[in-house]
Amino acid sequence: MIASILVVVFGFTTYGAFSIGSSPLSEVKIPMSIFGTATGILSVVGFLPDVFIHTWYGGMIDAQGTAAFNMIFGFEIMFGIIGCFCLVMLLRTVKKHFGSTAQAEEA
């Protein structure tokens, strides 16, 4: 029962995060003329892992049995760390870019 609840909560959180995926596009001032294209690219990149990850992990489990779960969780941790790193770099870039823009507008 607890595992079922956790799957639902994590699934809701994951797909809830995807649903607000276009929010950063408006924050970085993507022009409305290419907003649809940018959203499409963001969706392709965001959902690309869903295309192959289940087959990849399933193949690992078929080949190695339960020993594959350590590798699978390791990959998930690695992907999470890479995602956090990319987020920090994006925030630094946005702050640097829009911080200088705001200062130029005030002057």
N, C-alpha and C. Protein backbone atom coordinates (compact mmCIF):
# COMPACT_ATOMS: atom_id res chain seq x y z
N MET A 1 0.83 -1.19 0.00
CA MET A 1 0.00 0.00 0.00
C MET A 1 0.88 1.26 0.00
N ILE A 2 1.92 1.25 0.82
CA ILE A 2 2.81 2.41 0.88
C ILE A 2 3.52 2.62 -0.45
N ALA A 3 3.96 1.51 -1.07
CA ALA A 3 4.64 1.62 -2.37
C ALA A 3 3.70 2.20 -3.41
N SER A 4 2.43 1.79 -3.40
CA SER A 4 1.46 2.32 -4.35
C SER A 4 1.26 3.82 -4.16
N ILE A 5 1.18 4.24 -2.93
CA ILE A 5 1.01 5.67 -2.63
C ILE A 5 2.23 6.45 -3.10
N LEU A 6 3.43 5.91 -2.85
CA LEU A 6 4.65 6.59 -3.28
C LEU A 6 4.73 6.71 -4.80
N VAL A 7 4.33 5.66 -5.51
CA VAL A 7 4.34 5.71 -6.98
C VAL A 7 3.41 6.81 -7.47
N VAL A 8 2.22 6.91 -6.89
CA VAL A 8 1.28 7.94 -7.30
C VAL A 8 1.81 9.33 -6.98
N VAL A 9 2.36 9.51 -5.79
CA VAL A 9 2.88 10.82 -5.39
C VAL A 9 4.05 11.23 -6.27
N PHE A 10 5.00 10.31 -6.50
CA PHE A 10 6.15 10.64 -7.34
C PHE A 10 5.73 10.87 -8.79
N GLY A 11 4.80 10.08 -9.29
CA GLY A 11 4.30 10.28 -10.64
C GLY A 11 3.60 11.63 -10.79
N PHE A 12 2.79 11.98 -9.81
CA PHE A 12 2.11 13.27 -9.83
C PHE A 12 3.12 14.41 -9.82
N THR A 13 4.14 14.28 -8.99
CA THR A 13 5.17 15.32 -8.90
C THR A 13 5.94 15.44 -10.20
N THR A 14 6.32 14.31 -10.77
CA THR A 14 7.10 14.32 -12.01
C THR A 14 6.31 14.95 -13.15
N TYR A 15 5.10 14.50 -13.39
CA TYR A 15 4.31 15.02 -14.49
C TYR A 15 3.76 16.41 -14.18
N GLY A 16 3.64 16.74 -12.91
CA GLY A 16 3.29 18.12 -12.55
C GLY A 16 4.39 19.08 -12.92
N ALA A 17 5.64 18.62 -12.74
CA ALA A 17 6.79 19.46 -13.12
C ALA A 17 6.83 19.64 -14.63
N PHE A 18 6.50 18.61 -15.40
CA PHE A 18 6.46 18.75 -16.85
C PHE A 18 5.38 19.72 -17.29
N SER A 19 4.28 19.79 -16.54
CA SER A 19 3.18 20.65 -16.96
C SER A 19 3.53 22.13 -16.82
N ILE A 20 4.48 22.46 -15.98
CA ILE A 20 4.89 23.87 -15.87
C ILE A 20 6.16 24.12 -16.65
N GLY A 21 6.46 23.25 -17.60
CA GLY A 21 7.70 23.35 -18.37
C GLY A 21 7.81 24.60 -19.22
N SER A 22 6.71 25.18 -19.62
CA SER A 22 6.80 26.38 -20.46
C SER A 22 6.97 27.64 -19.63
N SER A 23 6.87 27.56 -18.34
CA SER A 23 7.05 28.73 -17.49
C SER A 23 8.43 29.37 -17.65
N PRO A 24 9.52 28.59 -17.66
CA PRO A 24 10.83 29.22 -17.84
C PRO A 24 10.97 29.93 -19.19
N LEU A 25 10.24 29.45 -20.19
CA LEU A 25 10.32 30.10 -21.50
C LEU A 25 9.84 31.54 -21.43
N SER A 26 8.80 31.80 -20.69
CA SER A 26 8.33 33.18 -20.58
C SER A 26 9.24 34.01 -19.68
N GLU A 27 9.89 33.37 -18.71
CA GLU A 27 10.79 34.09 -17.82
C GLU A 27 12.06 34.54 -18.52
N VAL A 28 12.51 33.78 -19.52
CA VAL A 28 13.71 34.16 -20.25
C VAL A 28 13.37 34.94 -21.52
N LYS A 29 12.14 35.41 -21.59
CA LYS A 29 11.69 36.31 -22.65
C LYS A 29 11.82 35.72 -24.05
N ILE A 30 11.37 34.48 -24.21
CA ILE A 30 11.30 33.88 -25.55
C ILE A 30 10.22 34.63 -26.33
N PRO A 31 10.52 35.10 -27.52
CA PRO A 31 9.51 35.84 -28.30
C PRO A 31 8.29 34.97 -28.60
N MET A 32 7.13 35.58 -28.59
CA MET A 32 5.89 34.84 -28.83
C MET A 32 5.87 34.24 -30.23
N SER A 33 6.62 34.80 -31.16
CA SER A 33 6.61 34.26 -32.52
C SER A 33 7.26 32.88 -32.60
N ILE A 34 8.13 32.54 -31.65
CA ILE A 34 8.75 31.21 -31.66
C ILE A 34 8.44 30.43 -30.38
N PHE A 35 7.48 30.92 -29.59
CA PHE A 35 7.15 30.28 -28.32
C PHE A 35 6.66 28.85 -28.53
N GLY A 36 5.84 28.63 -29.53
CA GLY A 36 5.33 27.28 -29.82
C GLY A 36 6.44 26.32 -30.20
N THR A 37 7.36 26.78 -31.02
CA THR A 37 8.50 25.95 -31.41
C THR A 37 9.37 25.63 -30.20
N ALA A 38 9.63 26.64 -29.37
CA ALA A 38 10.44 26.42 -28.18
C ALA A 38 9.76 25.44 -27.22
N THR A 39 8.44 25.53 -27.08
CA THR A 39 7.71 24.60 -26.23
C THR A 39 7.78 23.19 -26.79
N GLY A 40 7.70 23.05 -28.11
CA GLY A 40 7.81 21.74 -28.74
C GLY A 40 9.17 21.12 -28.52
N ILE A 41 10.23 21.92 -28.67
CA ILE A 41 11.58 21.42 -28.43
C ILE A 41 11.74 21.02 -26.98
N LEU A 42 11.22 21.84 -26.07
CA LEU A 42 11.28 21.52 -24.64
C LEU A 42 10.55 20.22 -24.34
N SER A 43 9.42 20.00 -24.98
CA SER A 43 8.67 18.75 -24.78
C SER A 43 9.43 17.54 -25.31
N VAL A 44 10.04 17.69 -26.48
CA VAL A 44 10.82 16.58 -27.04
C VAL A 44 11.97 16.22 -26.11
N VAL A 45 12.70 17.22 -25.67
CA VAL A 45 13.83 16.97 -24.77
C VAL A 45 13.35 16.41 -23.43
N GLY A 46 12.26 16.96 -22.92
CA GLY A 46 11.74 16.52 -21.63
C GLY A 46 11.21 15.11 -21.62
N PHE A 47 10.57 14.70 -22.71
CA PHE A 47 9.98 13.36 -22.77
C PHE A 47 10.86 12.34 -23.49
N LEU A 48 12.01 12.73 -24.00
CA LEU A 48 12.90 11.82 -24.70
C LEU A 48 13.31 10.62 -23.85
N PRO A 49 13.61 10.79 -22.57
CA PRO A 49 13.96 9.61 -21.78
C PRO A 49 12.85 8.56 -21.70
N ASP A 50 11.61 8.99 -21.78
CA ASP A 50 10.51 8.03 -21.74
C ASP A 50 10.50 7.10 -22.94
N VAL A 51 11.18 7.49 -24.01
CA VAL A 51 11.22 6.67 -25.22
C VAL A 51 12.07 5.43 -25.00
N PHE A 52 13.20 5.56 -24.32
CA PHE A 52 14.14 4.45 -24.24
C PHE A 52 14.45 3.95 -22.83
N ILE A 53 14.15 4.70 -21.81
CA ILE A 53 14.62 4.34 -20.47
C ILE A 53 14.00 3.03 -19.97
N HIS A 54 12.73 2.80 -20.27
CA HIS A 54 12.09 1.58 -19.78
C HIS A 54 12.65 0.33 -20.47
N THR A 55 12.91 0.45 -21.76
CA THR A 55 13.52 -0.67 -22.49
C THR A 55 14.93 -0.92 -21.99
N TRP A 56 15.68 0.13 -21.77
CA TRP A 56 17.05 0.01 -21.29
C TRP A 56 17.09 -0.63 -19.91
N TYR A 57 16.28 -0.10 -18.99
CA TYR A 57 16.26 -0.67 -17.64
C TYR A 57 15.72 -2.10 -17.64
N GLY A 58 14.70 -2.37 -18.47
CA GLY A 58 14.18 -3.73 -18.57
C GLY A 58 15.22 -4.71 -19.07
N GLY A 59 16.01 -4.29 -20.07
CA GLY A 59 17.09 -5.13 -20.56
C GLY A 59 18.14 -5.40 -19.48
N MET A 60 18.42 -4.39 -18.67
CA MET A 60 19.38 -4.57 -17.58
C MET A 60 18.84 -5.58 -16.56
N ILE A 61 17.56 -5.47 -16.24
CA ILE A 61 16.97 -6.39 -15.26
C ILE A 61 16.92 -7.80 -15.82
N ASP A 62 16.59 -7.94 -17.10
CA ASP A 62 16.57 -9.27 -17.72
C ASP A 62 17.96 -9.91 -17.70
N ALA A 63 18.98 -9.11 -17.94
CA ALA A 63 20.35 -9.65 -18.02
C ALA A 63 20.96 -9.92 -16.65
N GLN A 64 20.68 -9.06 -15.67
CA GLN A 64 21.38 -9.15 -14.39
C GLN A 64 20.47 -9.52 -13.21
N GLY A 65 19.19 -9.56 -13.42
CA GLY A 65 18.28 -9.85 -12.32
C GLY A 65 18.21 -8.68 -11.35
N THR A 66 18.04 -8.98 -10.08
CA THR A 66 17.88 -7.92 -9.08
C THR A 66 19.15 -7.12 -8.86
N ALA A 67 20.29 -7.63 -9.29
CA ALA A 67 21.55 -6.88 -9.16
C ALA A 67 21.52 -5.61 -10.01
N ALA A 68 20.68 -5.57 -11.01
CA ALA A 68 20.59 -4.39 -11.88
C ALA A 68 20.01 -3.18 -11.17
N PHE A 69 19.26 -3.41 -10.10
CA PHE A 69 18.63 -2.28 -9.42
C PHE A 69 19.64 -1.31 -8.83
N ASN A 70 20.79 -1.81 -8.38
CA ASN A 70 21.83 -0.91 -7.89
C ASN A 70 22.32 0.01 -9.00
N MET A 71 22.50 -0.54 -10.19
CA MET A 71 22.92 0.29 -11.32
C MET A 71 21.82 1.26 -11.73
N ILE A 72 20.58 0.80 -11.72
CA ILE A 72 19.47 1.65 -12.11
C ILE A 72 19.36 2.84 -11.16
N PHE A 73 19.42 2.59 -9.86
CA PHE A 73 19.34 3.69 -8.90
C PHE A 73 20.57 4.59 -9.01
N GLY A 74 21.71 4.01 -9.32
CA GLY A 74 22.90 4.82 -9.55
C GLY A 74 22.74 5.76 -10.73
N PHE A 75 22.16 5.23 -11.83
CA PHE A 75 21.90 6.08 -12.99
C PHE A 75 20.92 7.19 -12.65
N GLU A 76 19.88 6.85 -11.89
CA GLU A 76 18.89 7.87 -11.52
C GLU A 76 19.52 8.97 -10.66
N ILE A 77 20.37 8.59 -9.73
CA ILE A 77 21.07 9.58 -8.91
C ILE A 77 21.97 10.45 -9.78
N MET A 78 22.69 9.81 -10.71
CA MET A 78 23.56 10.55 -11.62
C MET A 78 22.75 11.54 -12.47
N PHE A 79 21.61 11.08 -13.02
CA PHE A 79 20.78 11.98 -13.82
C PHE A 79 20.25 13.14 -12.97
N GLY A 80 19.90 12.86 -11.71
CA GLY A 80 19.44 13.91 -10.81
C GLY A 80 20.52 14.95 -10.54
N ILE A 81 21.75 14.49 -10.33
CA ILE A 81 22.86 15.40 -10.09
C ILE A 81 23.14 16.25 -11.33
N ILE A 82 23.12 15.61 -12.50
CA ILE A 82 23.33 16.35 -13.76
C ILE A 82 22.22 17.40 -13.93
N GLY A 83 20.98 17.02 -13.62
CA GLY A 83 19.87 17.97 -13.72
C GLY A 83 20.02 19.15 -12.78
N CYS A 84 20.46 18.88 -11.54
CA CYS A 84 20.68 19.97 -10.58
C CYS A 84 21.81 20.88 -11.04
N PHE A 85 22.86 20.30 -11.59
CA PHE A 85 23.97 21.10 -12.11
C PHE A 85 23.49 22.00 -13.25
N CYS A 86 22.71 21.43 -14.18
CA CYS A 86 22.19 22.23 -15.29
C CYS A 86 21.28 23.34 -14.79
N LEU A 87 20.49 23.06 -13.77
CA LEU A 87 19.61 24.07 -13.20
C LEU A 87 20.41 25.22 -12.61
N VAL A 88 21.45 24.89 -11.83
CA VAL A 88 22.28 25.92 -11.23
C VAL A 88 22.94 26.78 -12.30
N MET A 89 23.46 26.12 -13.35
CA MET A 89 24.10 26.87 -14.43
C MET A 89 23.09 27.77 -15.15
N LEU A 90 21.88 27.27 -15.38
CA LEU A 90 20.84 28.08 -16.02
C LEU A 90 20.47 29.27 -15.15
N LEU A 91 20.31 29.05 -13.85
CA LEU A 91 19.96 30.15 -12.96
C LEU A 91 21.06 31.21 -12.92
N ARG A 92 22.31 30.77 -12.93
CA ARG A 92 23.43 31.73 -12.96
C ARG A 92 23.40 32.54 -14.25
N THR A 93 23.15 31.87 -15.36
CA THR A 93 23.12 32.56 -16.65
C THR A 93 21.97 33.55 -16.71
N VAL A 94 20.79 33.13 -16.27
CA VAL A 94 19.62 34.03 -16.29
C VAL A 94 19.85 35.21 -15.37
N LYS A 95 20.38 34.95 -14.18
CA LYS A 95 20.62 36.05 -13.23
C LYS A 95 21.66 37.02 -13.79
N LYS A 96 22.71 36.49 -14.40
CA LYS A 96 23.75 37.34 -14.98
C LYS A 96 23.19 38.17 -16.14
N HIS A 97 22.42 37.50 -17.02
CA HIS A 97 21.89 38.18 -18.19
C HIS A 97 20.84 39.22 -17.81
N PHE A 98 19.87 38.83 -17.02
CA PHE A 98 18.78 39.74 -16.70
C PHE A 98 19.18 40.73 -15.62
N GLY A 99 20.17 40.39 -14.81
CA GLY A 99 20.69 41.36 -13.84
C GLY A 99 21.34 42.53 -14.55
N SER A 100 22.13 42.24 -15.59
CA SER A 100 22.78 43.32 -16.36
C SER A 100 21.75 44.09 -17.17
N THR A 101 20.71 43.44 -17.65
CA THR A 101 19.66 44.11 -18.41
C THR A 101 18.89 45.07 -17.51
N ALA A 102 18.58 44.62 -16.30
CA ALA A 102 17.84 45.48 -15.36
C ALA A 102 18.67 46.69 -14.97
N GLN A 103 19.97 46.51 -14.77
CA GLN A 103 20.85 47.63 -14.42
C GLN A 103 20.94 48.62 -15.58
N ALA A 104 20.98 48.10 -16.81
CA ALA A 104 21.05 48.98 -17.98
C ALA A 104 19.77 49.78 -18.14
N GLU A 105 18.63 49.17 -17.83
CA GLU A 105 17.35 49.87 -17.94
C GLU A 105 17.23 50.96 -16.89
N GLU A 106 17.77 50.70 -15.68
CA GLU A 106 17.70 51.69 -14.61
C GLU A 106 18.59 52.89 -14.91
N ALA A 107 19.67 52.64 -15.60
CA ALA A 107 20.63 53.74 -15.90
C ALA A 107 20.13 54.60 -17.01
